Protein backbone atom coordinates (compact mmCIF):
# COMPACT_ATOMS: atom_id res chain seq x y z
CA MET A 1 21.63 -0.93 24.98
CA ALA A 2 20.57 -2.06 21.51
CA VAL A 3 23.17 -1.84 18.76
CA THR A 4 21.95 0.18 15.78
CA PRO A 5 22.80 -1.57 12.49
CA LYS A 6 25.04 0.24 10.04
CA PHE A 7 24.61 0.19 6.28
CA GLU A 8 27.82 -1.78 5.80
CA ASP A 9 26.43 -4.49 8.08
CA TYR A 10 23.64 -5.40 5.64
CA ALA A 11 24.58 -3.82 2.30
CA ASP A 12 25.94 -7.08 0.84
CA LYS A 13 24.07 -9.52 3.03
CA TYR A 14 21.10 -10.38 0.81
CA ALA A 15 21.59 -12.27 -2.45
CA ASN A 16 18.53 -10.89 -4.22
CA VAL A 17 18.82 -7.23 -3.25
CA ALA A 18 21.49 -4.84 -4.55
CA MET A 19 21.83 -1.78 -2.34
CA THR A 20 23.34 1.66 -2.59
CA ARG A 21 23.03 4.64 -0.27
CA SER A 22 23.89 8.25 -1.01
CA ASP A 23 23.10 11.18 1.28
CA GLY A 24 20.81 8.96 3.30
CA ILE A 25 18.77 7.76 0.31
CA LEU A 26 18.77 3.97 0.35
CA GLU A 27 18.07 2.35 -3.01
CA LEU A 28 17.08 -1.33 -3.16
CA THR A 29 17.12 -3.18 -6.49
CA PHE A 30 15.43 -6.58 -6.35
CA HIS A 31 16.99 -9.11 -8.73
CA THR A 32 17.86 -12.73 -9.44
CA ASP A 33 21.46 -13.05 -10.65
CA GLY A 34 21.30 -9.47 -11.92
CA GLU A 35 18.13 -10.03 -13.94
CA SER A 36 14.48 -9.47 -13.05
CA LEU A 37 13.50 -10.93 -9.70
CA GLN A 38 12.03 -14.42 -9.54
CA TRP A 39 10.06 -14.88 -6.33
CA THR A 40 11.40 -17.75 -4.20
CA LEU A 41 11.14 -18.95 -0.62
CA ARG A 42 14.52 -17.35 0.02
CA ILE A 43 13.46 -13.83 -0.97
CA HIS A 44 10.15 -14.35 0.85
CA ASP A 45 12.04 -15.15 4.06
CA GLU A 46 14.92 -12.69 3.76
CA LEU A 47 12.99 -9.52 2.95
CA ALA A 48 11.42 -9.51 6.40
CA TYR A 49 14.89 -9.47 7.97
CA LEU A 50 16.17 -6.83 5.55
CA PHE A 51 13.23 -4.51 6.21
CA ASP A 52 13.83 -4.92 9.95
CA GLU A 53 17.48 -3.87 9.57
CA ILE A 54 16.55 -0.92 7.38
CA ALA A 55 13.99 0.22 9.93
CA ALA A 56 16.54 0.08 12.74
CA ASP A 57 19.18 2.08 10.83
CA ARG A 58 18.43 5.70 11.63
CA GLU A 59 20.88 6.92 8.98
CA ASN A 60 18.33 6.00 6.30
CA LYS A 61 16.39 9.09 5.25
CA VAL A 62 14.33 7.73 2.33
CA VAL A 63 14.02 4.26 0.77
CA ILE A 64 13.54 3.55 -2.96
CA LEU A 65 12.36 0.13 -4.15
CA THR A 66 12.91 -0.93 -7.75
CA GLY A 67 13.60 -4.01 -9.85
CA ALA A 68 16.32 -5.14 -12.24
CA GLY A 69 15.71 -5.81 -15.91
CA ASP A 70 12.32 -5.45 -17.54
CA ALA A 71 10.13 -6.54 -14.62
CA PHE A 72 9.71 -5.77 -10.95
CA CYS A 73 8.84 -9.44 -10.31
CA ASP A 74 6.95 -11.50 -12.89
CA SER A 75 7.91 -15.12 -12.15
CA LEU A 76 7.75 -17.56 -9.24
CA ASP A 77 9.84 -20.65 -8.53
CA HIS A 78 7.25 -23.07 -7.14
CA ALA A 79 9.90 -25.71 -6.41
CA THR A 80 11.48 -23.59 -3.65
CA PHE A 81 8.27 -23.60 -1.60
CA SER A 82 7.66 -26.65 0.57
CA SER A 83 4.42 -26.40 2.50
CA SER A 84 3.12 -29.94 2.83
CA THR A 85 3.32 -30.14 6.64
CA PRO A 86 2.20 -27.87 9.49
CA GLN A 87 5.86 -27.40 10.48
CA GLU A 88 6.80 -26.15 7.01
CA TRP A 89 3.76 -23.91 6.90
CA ASP A 90 4.64 -22.48 10.31
CA ARG A 91 7.85 -21.11 8.81
CA ILE A 92 5.96 -19.51 5.92
CA LEU A 93 3.40 -18.04 8.30
CA TYR A 94 6.11 -16.60 10.56
CA ASP A 95 8.08 -14.91 7.79
CA GLY A 96 5.00 -14.02 5.75
CA ARG A 97 3.53 -12.10 8.65
CA ARG A 98 6.79 -10.21 9.22
CA LEU A 99 7.29 -9.41 5.53
CA LEU A 100 4.65 -6.69 5.38
CA THR A 101 4.68 -5.62 9.01
CA ASN A 102 8.44 -5.01 8.86
CA LEU A 103 8.01 -3.10 5.60
CA LEU A 104 5.60 -0.80 7.43
CA ALA A 105 8.03 -0.57 10.35
CA ILE A 106 10.40 1.44 8.14
CA ASN A 107 9.83 4.89 9.59
CA VAL A 108 10.98 6.98 6.65
CA PRO A 109 9.24 7.64 3.31
CA VAL A 110 9.26 4.69 0.90
CA ILE A 111 9.11 5.27 -2.87
CA SER A 112 8.58 2.57 -5.48
CA ALA A 113 10.01 2.86 -8.97
CA VAL A 114 8.08 0.06 -10.66
CA ASN A 115 10.14 -0.70 -13.74
CA GLY A 116 7.87 -3.38 -15.23
CA PRO A 117 5.29 -6.05 -14.39
CA ALA A 118 4.76 -6.95 -10.74
CA ARG A 119 2.80 -10.22 -10.65
CA PHE A 120 4.07 -11.80 -7.44
CA HIS A 121 3.78 -9.86 -4.20
CA ALA A 122 2.80 -6.77 -6.14
CA GLU A 123 1.46 -5.41 -2.87
CA ILE A 124 5.04 -4.62 -1.79
CA PRO A 125 5.63 -1.78 -4.29
CA ALA A 126 1.95 -0.79 -4.18
CA MET A 127 2.15 -0.13 -0.42
CA SER A 128 4.80 2.56 -0.86
CA ASP A 129 4.07 6.16 0.04
CA ILE A 130 4.82 7.18 -3.55
CA VAL A 131 4.41 4.79 -6.50
CA ILE A 132 6.04 5.75 -9.80
CA ALA A 133 5.31 3.27 -12.59
CA SER A 134 6.77 2.62 -16.00
CA GLU A 135 4.40 2.58 -18.95
CA THR A 136 5.27 -1.14 -19.17
CA ALA A 137 4.32 -1.84 -15.55
CA ALA A 138 1.40 -4.06 -14.60
CA PHE A 139 0.02 -5.26 -11.27
CA GLN A 140 -1.48 -8.69 -10.71
CA ASP A 141 -2.11 -11.23 -7.95
CA LEU A 142 -2.18 -14.89 -9.05
CA HIS A 143 -2.81 -16.64 -5.73
CA TYR A 144 -6.42 -17.65 -6.34
CA LYS A 145 -5.86 -18.55 -10.01
CA SER A 146 -3.12 -20.90 -8.78
CA GLY A 147 -5.43 -22.56 -6.25
CA VAL A 148 -4.16 -20.62 -3.24
CA VAL A 149 -6.15 -18.45 -0.81
CA PRO A 150 -4.96 -14.82 -1.23
CA GLY A 151 -4.48 -14.48 2.51
CA ASP A 152 -0.86 -13.46 2.97
CA GLY A 153 -1.67 -9.77 3.23
CA SER A 154 -2.78 -9.33 -0.37
CA HIS A 155 -6.37 -9.61 0.87
CA VAL A 156 -5.77 -6.63 3.15
CA VAL A 157 -3.74 -4.45 0.79
CA TRP A 158 -5.76 -4.78 -2.40
CA THR A 159 -9.19 -4.38 -0.85
CA HIS A 160 -7.80 -1.30 0.91
CA LEU A 161 -6.22 0.19 -2.23
CA LEU A 162 -8.96 -0.68 -4.72
CA GLY A 163 -11.99 -0.77 -2.46
CA PRO A 164 -13.82 -3.94 -1.41
CA ASN A 165 -15.55 -4.78 -4.69
CA ARG A 166 -12.70 -3.94 -7.06
CA GLY A 167 -10.24 -5.56 -4.66
CA ARG A 168 -12.14 -8.84 -4.49
CA TYR A 169 -12.57 -8.90 -8.27
CA PHE A 170 -8.84 -8.25 -8.72
CA LEU A 171 -7.88 -11.09 -6.37
CA LEU A 172 -10.46 -13.66 -7.48
CA THR A 173 -10.05 -13.22 -11.24
CA GLY A 174 -6.30 -12.59 -11.44
CA GLN A 175 -7.07 -9.30 -13.17
CA GLU A 176 -4.06 -7.51 -14.62
CA LEU A 177 -3.96 -3.77 -14.04
CA ASP A 178 -1.79 -2.04 -16.59
CA ALA A 179 -0.03 1.13 -15.48
CA ARG A 180 -2.71 3.51 -16.77
CA THR A 181 -5.54 1.52 -15.20
CA ALA A 182 -3.61 1.31 -11.93
CA PHE A 183 -3.23 5.09 -12.10
CA SER A 184 -6.94 5.60 -12.68
CA PHE A 185 -7.72 3.27 -9.73
CA GLY A 186 -5.41 5.20 -7.42
CA VAL A 187 -2.72 2.52 -7.04
CA VAL A 188 -0.08 4.48 -8.95
CA ASN A 189 0.79 8.17 -8.56
CA GLU A 190 2.68 8.78 -11.81
CA VAL A 191 3.15 6.85 -15.06
CA LEU A 192 6.30 7.64 -17.04
CA PRO A 193 8.41 6.21 -19.86
CA THR A 194 10.68 3.52 -18.46
CA PRO A 195 13.95 5.55 -18.61
CA GLU A 196 12.34 8.33 -16.54
CA VAL A 197 10.95 6.21 -13.68
CA LEU A 198 14.01 5.80 -11.47
CA PRO A 199 15.30 9.35 -12.01
CA ARG A 200 11.88 10.68 -10.98
CA ALA A 201 11.90 8.50 -7.85
CA ARG A 202 15.36 9.82 -7.00
CA GLU A 203 14.20 13.40 -7.53
CA ILE A 204 11.34 12.95 -5.07
CA ALA A 205 13.66 11.14 -2.65
CA ARG A 206 16.08 14.07 -2.61
CA GLU A 207 13.22 16.44 -1.86
CA PHE A 208 12.00 14.23 1.00
CA ALA A 209 15.52 13.75 2.38
CA ALA A 210 15.81 17.52 2.82
CA ARG A 211 12.91 17.53 5.30
CA PRO A 212 13.66 17.57 9.05
CA PHE A 213 14.55 14.22 10.63
CA LEU A 214 11.46 13.83 12.79
CA THR A 215 9.14 15.27 10.15
CA ARG A 216 10.13 12.45 7.77
CA ARG A 217 9.81 9.76 10.40
CA TYR A 218 6.57 10.89 11.98
CA ALA A 219 4.90 11.58 8.64
CA ARG A 220 5.57 7.97 7.67
CA GLU A 221 4.25 6.87 11.08
CA VAL A 222 0.91 8.68 10.81
CA LEU A 223 0.39 7.80 7.14
CA THR A 224 0.81 4.07 7.73
CA LEU A 225 -1.39 3.77 10.83
CA GLU A 226 -4.37 2.43 8.89
CA TYR A 227 -2.29 -0.17 7.05
CA LYS A 228 -0.82 -1.34 10.35
CA ARG A 229 -4.25 -1.62 11.93
CA LEU A 230 -5.66 -3.58 9.00
CA LEU A 231 -2.70 -5.95 8.83
CA GLN A 232 -2.75 -6.52 12.58
CA ALA A 233 -6.40 -7.52 12.29
CA GLY A 234 -6.16 -9.61 9.12
CA ILE A 235 -2.79 -11.07 8.24
CA SER A 236 -2.54 -13.88 10.81
CA THR A 237 -6.04 -15.12 10.05
CA GLY A 238 -5.40 -14.82 6.31
CA LEU A 239 -2.14 -16.76 6.44
CA GLY A 240 -3.65 -19.38 8.70
CA LEU A 241 -6.55 -20.00 6.33
CA GLN A 242 -4.20 -19.95 3.34
CA GLY A 243 -2.13 -22.63 5.03
CA LEU A 244 -5.12 -24.76 5.97
CA ALA A 245 -6.40 -24.72 2.39
CA LYS A 246 -2.94 -25.52 1.01
CA LEU A 247 -2.45 -28.40 3.40
CA ALA A 248 -5.80 -29.78 2.24
CA SER A 249 -5.06 -29.46 -1.49
CA ASN A 250 -1.25 -29.08 -1.65
CA PRO A 251 -1.40 -27.78 -5.26
CA TYR A 252 2.38 -27.57 -5.68
CA SER A 253 3.26 -31.11 -4.60
């Protein structure tokens, strides 16, 4: 019989994620040494495992995602990524595929409190069931502008959220969507002053946590079916082509 993970098993396990849980509401704060998160290979790899543990813990009623400091994630440490061989890329492909699929495997409502700019893997907060954004928030994808194929799931998420033409424009130009524009495009549900973002996310989380156990879980299940179908069809091909192009050009070497 499988052993169900307990919160204490993973609460302090991940260096870049501070966690608290109260009345079944699990709050994740992404950070680097207590400041705004810098995207690295470590966080790229570990989030897939964290999301898997969260999904398996049936004591979680609602999940809130937020960031430390003034940004959700607005910098990337290129030096941590080594992708110059097929073997190194195989690791990135493996964990990259699981990153978003394990996020969707969380079978309770997920709320994002986007506290500031999200420029690297902005699809993670944008995929939440509810997206609350600070007035200082912005969404951007810089893969293509950096010489990288946007094939790690961003190609699926942003063309789904924005529509095919807006999504392709967003990915190919590195367009920045400020909070109000993201709201008008349907990416964000509410835009609030920064001090009000997390309290509003917690308010919604408490309301959701009061719903019956299976109602919460099955609502999440039916509302993520399309995302799961699209990722199943597109993420392996996208990551494979991203890797092939990177091995040919190796822009970070």
